[in-house]
C-alpha atoms as a PDB file:
ATOM      1  CA  MET A   1      -0.077   0.137  -0.137  1.00  0.00           C
ATOM      2  CA  ILE A   2       1.778   3.259  -1.212  1.00  0.00           C
ATOM      3  CA  ILE A   3       0.677   6.460   0.410  1.00  0.00           C
ATOM      4  CA  ASP A   4       1.364   9.834  -1.084  1.00  0.00           C
ATOM      5  CA  THR A   5       3.125  12.453   1.077  1.00  0.00           C
ATOM      6  CA  THR A   6       0.614  14.851   0.419  1.00  0.00           C
ATOM      7  CA  GLU A   7      -2.125  12.434   1.861  1.00  0.00           C
ATOM      8  CA  VAL A   8      -0.131  11.813   4.558  1.00  0.00           C
ATOM      9  CA  GLN A   9       0.358  15.481   5.407  1.00  0.00           C
ATOM     10  CA  THR A  10      -3.551  15.735   5.066  1.00  0.00           C
ATOM     11  CA  ILE A  11      -3.892  12.657   7.601  1.00  0.00           C
ATOM     12  CA  HIS A  12      -1.566  14.219  10.121  1.00  0.00           C
ATOM     13  CA  SER A  13      -3.017  17.540   9.828  1.00  0.00           C
ATOM     14  CA  PHE A  14      -6.561  16.075  10.645  1.00  0.00           C
ATOM     15  CA  TYR A  15      -5.393  13.955  13.152  1.00  0.00           C
ATOM     16  CA  LYS A  16      -3.631  17.291  15.057  1.00  0.00           C
ATOM     17  CA  LEU A  17      -7.167  19.142  14.382  1.00  0.00           C
ATOM     18  CA  GLU A  18      -9.063  15.986  16.231  1.00  0.00           C
ATOM     19  CA  SER A  19      -6.508  15.673  18.710  1.00  0.00           C
ATOM     20  CA  LEU A  20      -7.168  19.230  19.818  1.00  0.00           C
ATOM     21  CA  LYS A  21     -11.081  18.690  20.135  1.00  0.00           C
END
């Protein structure tokens, strides 16, 4: 399974936003 770096960045930023809630 290969994931684009942009996708990884999006996932990371999403996780950060979710953890801030």
